[in-house]
N, C-alpha and C. Protein backbone atom coordinates (compact mmCIF):
# COMPACT_ATOMS: atom_id res chain seq x y z
N MET A 1 96.39 93.48 84.44
CA MET A 1 97.52 93.93 85.33
C MET A 1 98.88 94.44 84.65
N THR A 2 99.26 94.96 84.64
CA THR A 2 100.88 95.54 83.83
C THR A 2 101.75 94.98 84.53
N ASP A 3 102.57 95.05 83.80
CA ASP A 3 104.44 94.56 84.11
C ASP A 3 104.82 95.52 85.44
N GLU A 4 104.68 96.59 85.17
CA GLU A 4 104.46 97.46 86.34
C GLU A 4 104.32 96.78 87.89
N THR A 5 102.34 97.16 87.54
CA THR A 5 101.82 96.38 88.70
C THR A 5 102.67 94.93 89.37
N ARG A 6 102.61 94.23 88.46
CA ARG A 6 103.40 92.71 88.69
C ARG A 6 105.19 93.15 89.59
N TYR A 7 105.49 93.86 89.26
CA TYR A 7 106.94 94.29 90.01
C TYR A 7 106.31 95.01 91.40
N PHE A 8 105.26 95.89 91.23
CA PHE A 8 105.03 96.15 92.49
C PHE A 8 104.65 95.26 93.81
N THR A 9 104.40 93.86 92.91
CA THR A 9 103.31 93.10 94.06
C THR A 9 104.54 92.29 94.07
N ASP A 10 105.61 91.98 93.29
CA ASP A 10 106.66 91.44 93.59
C ASP A 10 107.34 91.88 94.29
N GLN A 11 107.69 92.91 94.69
CA GLN A 11 108.74 93.50 95.90
C GLN A 11 107.83 93.86 97.18
N ALA A 12 106.93 93.70 97.23
CA ALA A 12 105.89 94.04 98.75
C ALA A 12 104.54 93.45 98.67
N ALA A 13 103.82 93.25 99.73
CA ALA A 13 102.75 92.26 100.06
C ALA A 13 101.74 94.41 99.90
N TYR A 14 101.47 94.00 99.00
CA TYR A 14 100.13 95.23 99.08
C TYR A 14 98.49 94.75 98.81
N ASP A 15 97.52 95.18 99.64
CA ASP A 15 95.97 95.07 99.16
C ASP A 15 95.56 94.69 98.02
N PRO A 16 94.92 94.07 97.35
CA PRO A 16 94.31 93.90 95.88
C PRO A 16 93.95 95.74 95.66
N ASP A 17 93.10 96.30 96.84
CA ASP A 17 92.78 97.48 96.44
C ASP A 17 93.79 98.18 96.01
N VAL A 18 94.98 98.45 96.37
CA VAL A 18 96.25 98.91 96.67
C VAL A 18 96.64 98.64 94.75
N VAL A 19 96.86 97.89 94.50
CA VAL A 19 97.30 97.58 93.60
C VAL A 19 96.57 97.71 92.53
N GLU A 20 95.16 97.85 92.67
CA GLU A 20 94.31 98.42 91.37
C GLU A 20 94.31 100.15 91.86
N LEU A 21 94.51 100.68 92.89
CA LEU A 21 95.22 102.00 92.82
C LEU A 21 95.90 102.14 92.08
N MET A 22 97.25 101.48 92.17
CA MET A 22 98.62 101.72 91.61
C MET A 22 98.44 101.65 90.47
N ASP A 23 97.63 100.49 89.85
CA ASP A 23 97.73 100.82 88.18
C ASP A 23 96.36 101.26 87.23
N SER A 24 96.05 102.32 87.77
CA SER A 24 95.05 102.75 87.41
C SER A 24 95.47 104.13 87.85
N VAL A 25 96.40 104.52 88.59
CA VAL A 25 97.12 106.21 88.97
C VAL A 25 98.05 105.96 87.68
N LEU A 26 99.15 105.00 87.62
CA LEU A 26 100.11 104.66 86.33
C LEU A 26 99.78 105.03 84.79
N GLU A 27 98.66 104.33 84.65
CA GLU A 27 97.70 104.47 83.31
C GLU A 27 97.42 105.87 83.45
N GLU A 28 97.14 106.45 84.17
CA GLU A 28 96.36 107.84 84.20
C GLU A 28 97.62 108.72 84.05
N ALA A 29 98.47 108.75 84.81
CA ALA A 29 99.85 109.38 84.54
C ALA A 29 100.34 109.17 82.99
N CYS A 30 100.76 107.82 82.39
CA CYS A 30 101.04 107.84 81.35
C CYS A 30 100.52 108.61 80.16
N ARG A 31 98.93 108.34 80.48
CA ARG A 31 97.96 109.38 79.64
C ARG A 31 98.31 110.64 79.94
N GLN A 32 98.46 111.57 81.12
CA GLN A 32 99.03 112.75 81.12
C GLN A 32 100.37 113.26 80.36
N ALA A 33 100.76 112.33 80.50
CA ALA A 33 102.23 112.18 80.31
C ALA A 33 102.67 112.42 78.73
N LEU A 34 101.85 112.21 77.87
CA LEU A 34 101.83 112.14 76.47
C LEU A 34 101.69 113.65 76.05
N GLN A 35 101.27 114.59 76.96
CA GLN A 35 101.37 115.97 76.83
C GLN A 35 102.56 116.42 77.42
N TYR A 36 103.74 116.07 77.34
CA TYR A 36 104.94 116.67 77.97
C TYR A 36 106.16 115.89 77.12
N ALA A 37 105.98 114.66 76.89
CA ALA A 37 107.07 113.73 76.83
C ALA A 37 106.46 112.17 75.83
N HIS A 38 107.12 111.87 75.22
CA HIS A 38 107.08 110.51 74.50
C HIS A 38 107.12 109.50 75.51
N VAL A 39 106.51 108.62 76.02
CA VAL A 39 106.24 107.87 77.10
C VAL A 39 106.89 106.42 76.51
N SER A 40 108.34 106.79 76.83
CA SER A 40 109.12 105.37 76.59
C SER A 40 109.25 104.60 77.84
N ASP A 41 109.93 103.50 77.67
CA ASP A 41 109.93 102.70 78.46
C ASP A 41 110.61 103.04 79.76
N SER A 42 111.70 103.83 80.23
CA SER A 42 112.28 104.86 80.64
C SER A 42 111.32 105.65 81.59
N VAL A 43 110.43 106.46 80.86
CA VAL A 43 109.51 107.09 81.22
C VAL A 43 108.39 106.15 82.23
N ARG A 44 107.85 105.67 81.69
CA ARG A 44 106.83 104.74 82.25
C ARG A 44 107.86 103.76 83.71
N SER A 45 108.59 103.64 83.61
CA SER A 45 109.65 102.92 84.82
C SER A 45 109.67 104.16 85.71
N SER A 46 110.16 105.11 85.88
CA SER A 46 110.26 106.21 86.54
C SER A 46 108.45 106.85 86.66
N LEU A 47 107.81 107.26 86.30
CA LEU A 47 106.40 107.04 86.56
C LEU A 47 105.90 106.14 87.56
N ALA A 48 106.39 104.68 87.04
CA ALA A 48 106.20 103.23 87.96
C ALA A 48 106.96 103.36 89.18
N ARG A 49 108.10 103.79 89.41
CA ARG A 49 108.69 103.88 90.66
C ARG A 49 108.02 105.27 91.84
N ALA A 50 107.71 105.97 90.84
CA ALA A 50 107.03 107.30 91.43
C ALA A 50 105.63 106.82 92.24
N THR A 51 104.81 105.97 91.76
CA THR A 51 103.51 105.47 91.76
C THR A 51 103.91 104.69 93.22
N MET A 52 104.96 104.00 93.31
CA MET A 52 105.33 102.97 94.53
C MET A 52 105.72 104.16 95.67
N GLU A 53 106.30 104.85 95.23
CA GLU A 53 107.34 105.91 96.44
C GLU A 53 105.72 106.31 96.98
N GLY A 54 104.78 106.85 96.61
CA GLY A 54 103.72 107.02 96.59
C GLY A 54 103.03 106.83 97.81
N VAL A 55 102.80 105.50 97.34
CA VAL A 55 101.76 104.23 97.51
C VAL A 55 102.45 103.87 99.27
N GLN A 56 103.60 104.56 99.14
CA GLN A 56 105.03 103.84 100.20
C GLN A 56 104.77 105.10 101.45
N ARG A 57 104.12 106.20 100.87
CA ARG A 57 104.31 107.48 101.54
C ARG A 57 102.92 107.39 102.32
N GLY A 58 102.02 106.59 101.95
CA GLY A 58 100.69 106.47 102.40
C GLY A 58 99.78 106.88 101.89
N MET A 59 99.60 107.56 100.30
CA MET A 59 98.72 108.20 99.44
C MET A 59 98.22 107.05 99.09
N ARG A 60 96.68 107.32 98.90
CA ARG A 60 95.58 106.33 98.69
C ARG A 60 94.90 107.05 98.18
N ASP A 61 94.64 108.89 97.99
CA ASP A 61 94.03 109.46 97.20
C ASP A 61 94.25 109.55 95.06
N ALA A 62 93.64 108.80 94.78
CA ALA A 62 93.81 108.94 93.18
C ALA A 62 94.56 110.36 92.77
N GLU A 63 93.76 111.05 92.55
CA GLU A 63 94.09 112.42 92.51
C GLU A 63 95.51 113.31 93.17
N GLN A 64 95.45 112.79 94.15
CA GLN A 64 96.93 113.57 95.02
C GLN A 64 98.22 112.63 94.43
N LEU A 65 97.72 111.13 94.47
CA LEU A 65 98.65 110.23 93.69
C LEU A 65 99.29 110.78 92.40
N VAL A 66 98.03 110.84 91.24
CA VAL A 66 98.62 110.88 90.40
C VAL A 66 99.31 112.38 90.11
N GLU A 67 99.05 113.49 90.65
CA GLU A 67 99.91 114.48 91.25
C GLU A 67 101.29 114.18 91.31
N PHE A 68 101.35 113.86 92.26
CA PHE A 68 102.67 113.10 92.96
C PHE A 68 103.48 112.60 91.94
N VAL A 69 102.70 111.58 91.29
CA VAL A 69 103.26 110.90 90.16
C VAL A 69 103.92 111.59 89.14
N MET A 70 103.47 112.67 88.53
CA MET A 70 103.34 113.54 87.64
C MET A 70 104.44 114.42 87.85
N SER A 71 105.11 114.41 89.17
CA SER A 71 105.90 115.38 89.45
C SER A 71 107.50 115.09 89.19
N ALA A 72 107.05 113.42 88.43
CA ALA A 72 108.70 112.74 88.09
C ALA A 72 108.85 112.85 86.89
N ILE A 73 107.99 113.89 86.06
CA ILE A 73 108.21 114.35 84.98
C ILE A 73 108.62 116.05 85.10
N PRO A 74 109.76 116.72 84.91
CA PRO A 74 110.07 117.74 84.70
C PRO A 74 109.11 118.75 84.04
N ALA A 75 109.10 118.75 83.33
CA ALA A 75 108.02 119.62 82.45
C ALA A 75 106.92 119.62 82.89
N ALA A 76 106.26 118.76 83.48
CA ALA A 76 104.90 118.64 84.43
C ALA A 76 105.05 118.97 85.73
N ARG A 77 106.08 118.94 86.26
CA ARG A 77 106.04 119.63 87.33
C ARG A 77 106.37 121.16 87.59
N ASP A 78 106.77 121.68 86.32
CA ASP A 78 106.91 122.92 86.42
C ASP A 78 105.56 123.73 85.84
N ALA A 79 104.55 122.63 85.19
CA ALA A 79 103.57 123.72 84.57
C ALA A 79 102.76 123.35 85.74
N LEU A 80 102.70 122.34 86.75
CA LEU A 80 101.96 122.29 88.10
C LEU A 80 102.08 123.95 89.00
N GLU A 81 103.72 123.76 89.00
CA GLU A 81 103.85 125.43 89.83
C GLU A 81 103.87 126.09 89.24
N ARG A 82 103.45 126.51 88.16
CA ARG A 82 102.99 127.44 87.49
C ARG A 82 101.64 127.76 87.88
N ASP A 83 101.09 126.49 87.70
CA ASP A 83 99.38 126.75 87.64
C ASP A 83 99.46 127.49 89.28
N GLU A 84 100.20 126.57 90.06
CA GLU A 84 99.94 127.14 91.80
C GLU A 84 100.26 128.36 91.98
N ALA A 85 101.61 128.30 91.34
CA ALA A 85 101.89 130.18 91.72
C ALA A 85 100.61 131.36 91.19
N SER A 86 100.20 130.99 89.87
CA SER A 86 98.81 131.96 89.42
C SER A 86 97.61 131.81 90.15
N GLY A 87 97.20 130.69 91.07
CA GLY A 87 96.40 130.62 91.84
C GLY A 87 95.41 129.82 91.40
N GLY A 88 95.62 129.70 89.89
CA GLY A 88 94.62 128.71 89.14
C GLY A 88 94.43 126.95 89.65
N CYS A 89 93.62 126.56 89.00
CA CYS A 89 93.98 124.92 89.28
C CYS A 89 94.62 124.35 88.90
N SER A 90 94.85 123.20 88.91
CA SER A 90 96.14 122.31 88.44
C SER A 90 95.19 122.09 87.00
N SER A 91 96.63 122.39 86.13
CA SER A 91 96.12 121.21 84.87
C SER A 91 96.29 119.99 85.09
N LEU A 92 96.68 119.35 85.74
CA LEU A 92 96.97 117.87 86.25
C LEU A 92 95.75 117.08 86.94
N ALA A 93 94.71 118.26 87.07
CA ALA A 93 93.62 117.71 88.04
C ALA A 93 92.84 116.60 87.87
N VAL A 94 92.62 115.55 87.95
CA VAL A 94 91.88 114.66 87.76
C VAL A 94 90.56 114.63 88.77
N THR A 95 89.45 114.17 87.74
CA THR A 95 88.19 114.30 88.16
C THR A 95 88.07 113.02 89.39
N ALA A 96 87.43 113.64 90.66
CA ALA A 96 87.20 112.81 91.44
C ALA A 96 86.54 111.70 91.63
N GLY A 97 87.15 110.05 91.29
CA GLY A 97 86.49 109.40 91.57
C GLY A 97 86.71 108.78 90.24
N ALA A 98 86.67 109.09 88.99
CA ALA A 98 86.57 108.91 87.82
C ALA A 98 87.74 108.86 86.95
N GLY A 99 89.12 109.38 87.66
CA GLY A 99 90.10 108.61 87.40
C GLY A 99 90.04 109.47 85.47
N VAL A 100 89.82 110.17 85.26
CA VAL A 100 89.95 110.55 83.86
C VAL A 100 90.55 112.15 84.13
N GLY A 101 91.29 112.36 83.58
CA GLY A 101 92.09 113.67 83.29
C GLY A 101 91.38 114.98 82.77
N GLU A 102 91.13 115.80 83.44
CA GLU A 102 90.42 116.92 83.17
C GLU A 102 90.86 118.33 83.09
N GLU A 103 90.73 119.13 82.40
CA GLU A 103 91.82 120.84 82.41
C GLU A 103 90.83 121.32 83.10
N CYS A 104 91.66 122.47 83.56
CA CYS A 104 90.78 123.48 84.38
C CYS A 104 90.13 124.18 83.76
N PRO A 105 88.79 124.63 83.98
CA PRO A 105 88.03 125.82 83.42
C PRO A 105 88.74 127.05 82.89
């Protein structure tokens, strides 16, 4: 369990499955964030806050949640908007169930 996940669980009571989801989403978002920025403690904290916000909004799908969390990084948000505007798939896509980032074909 990461420090951020401990923070999540200290702030509210979450089901163990949700805590696991938040932890895996945060790790995937940090991995994907490396293509846009150095993942400093402040960037990781921003991603953690976005993860918690998504969960509080009821998001439980890992792919949707990672995409939401990545929108906390302006460069990632811009890339996602370009992908959507061009009609292509998102370069932030996550393989369903695997939790591993995958580039669009």
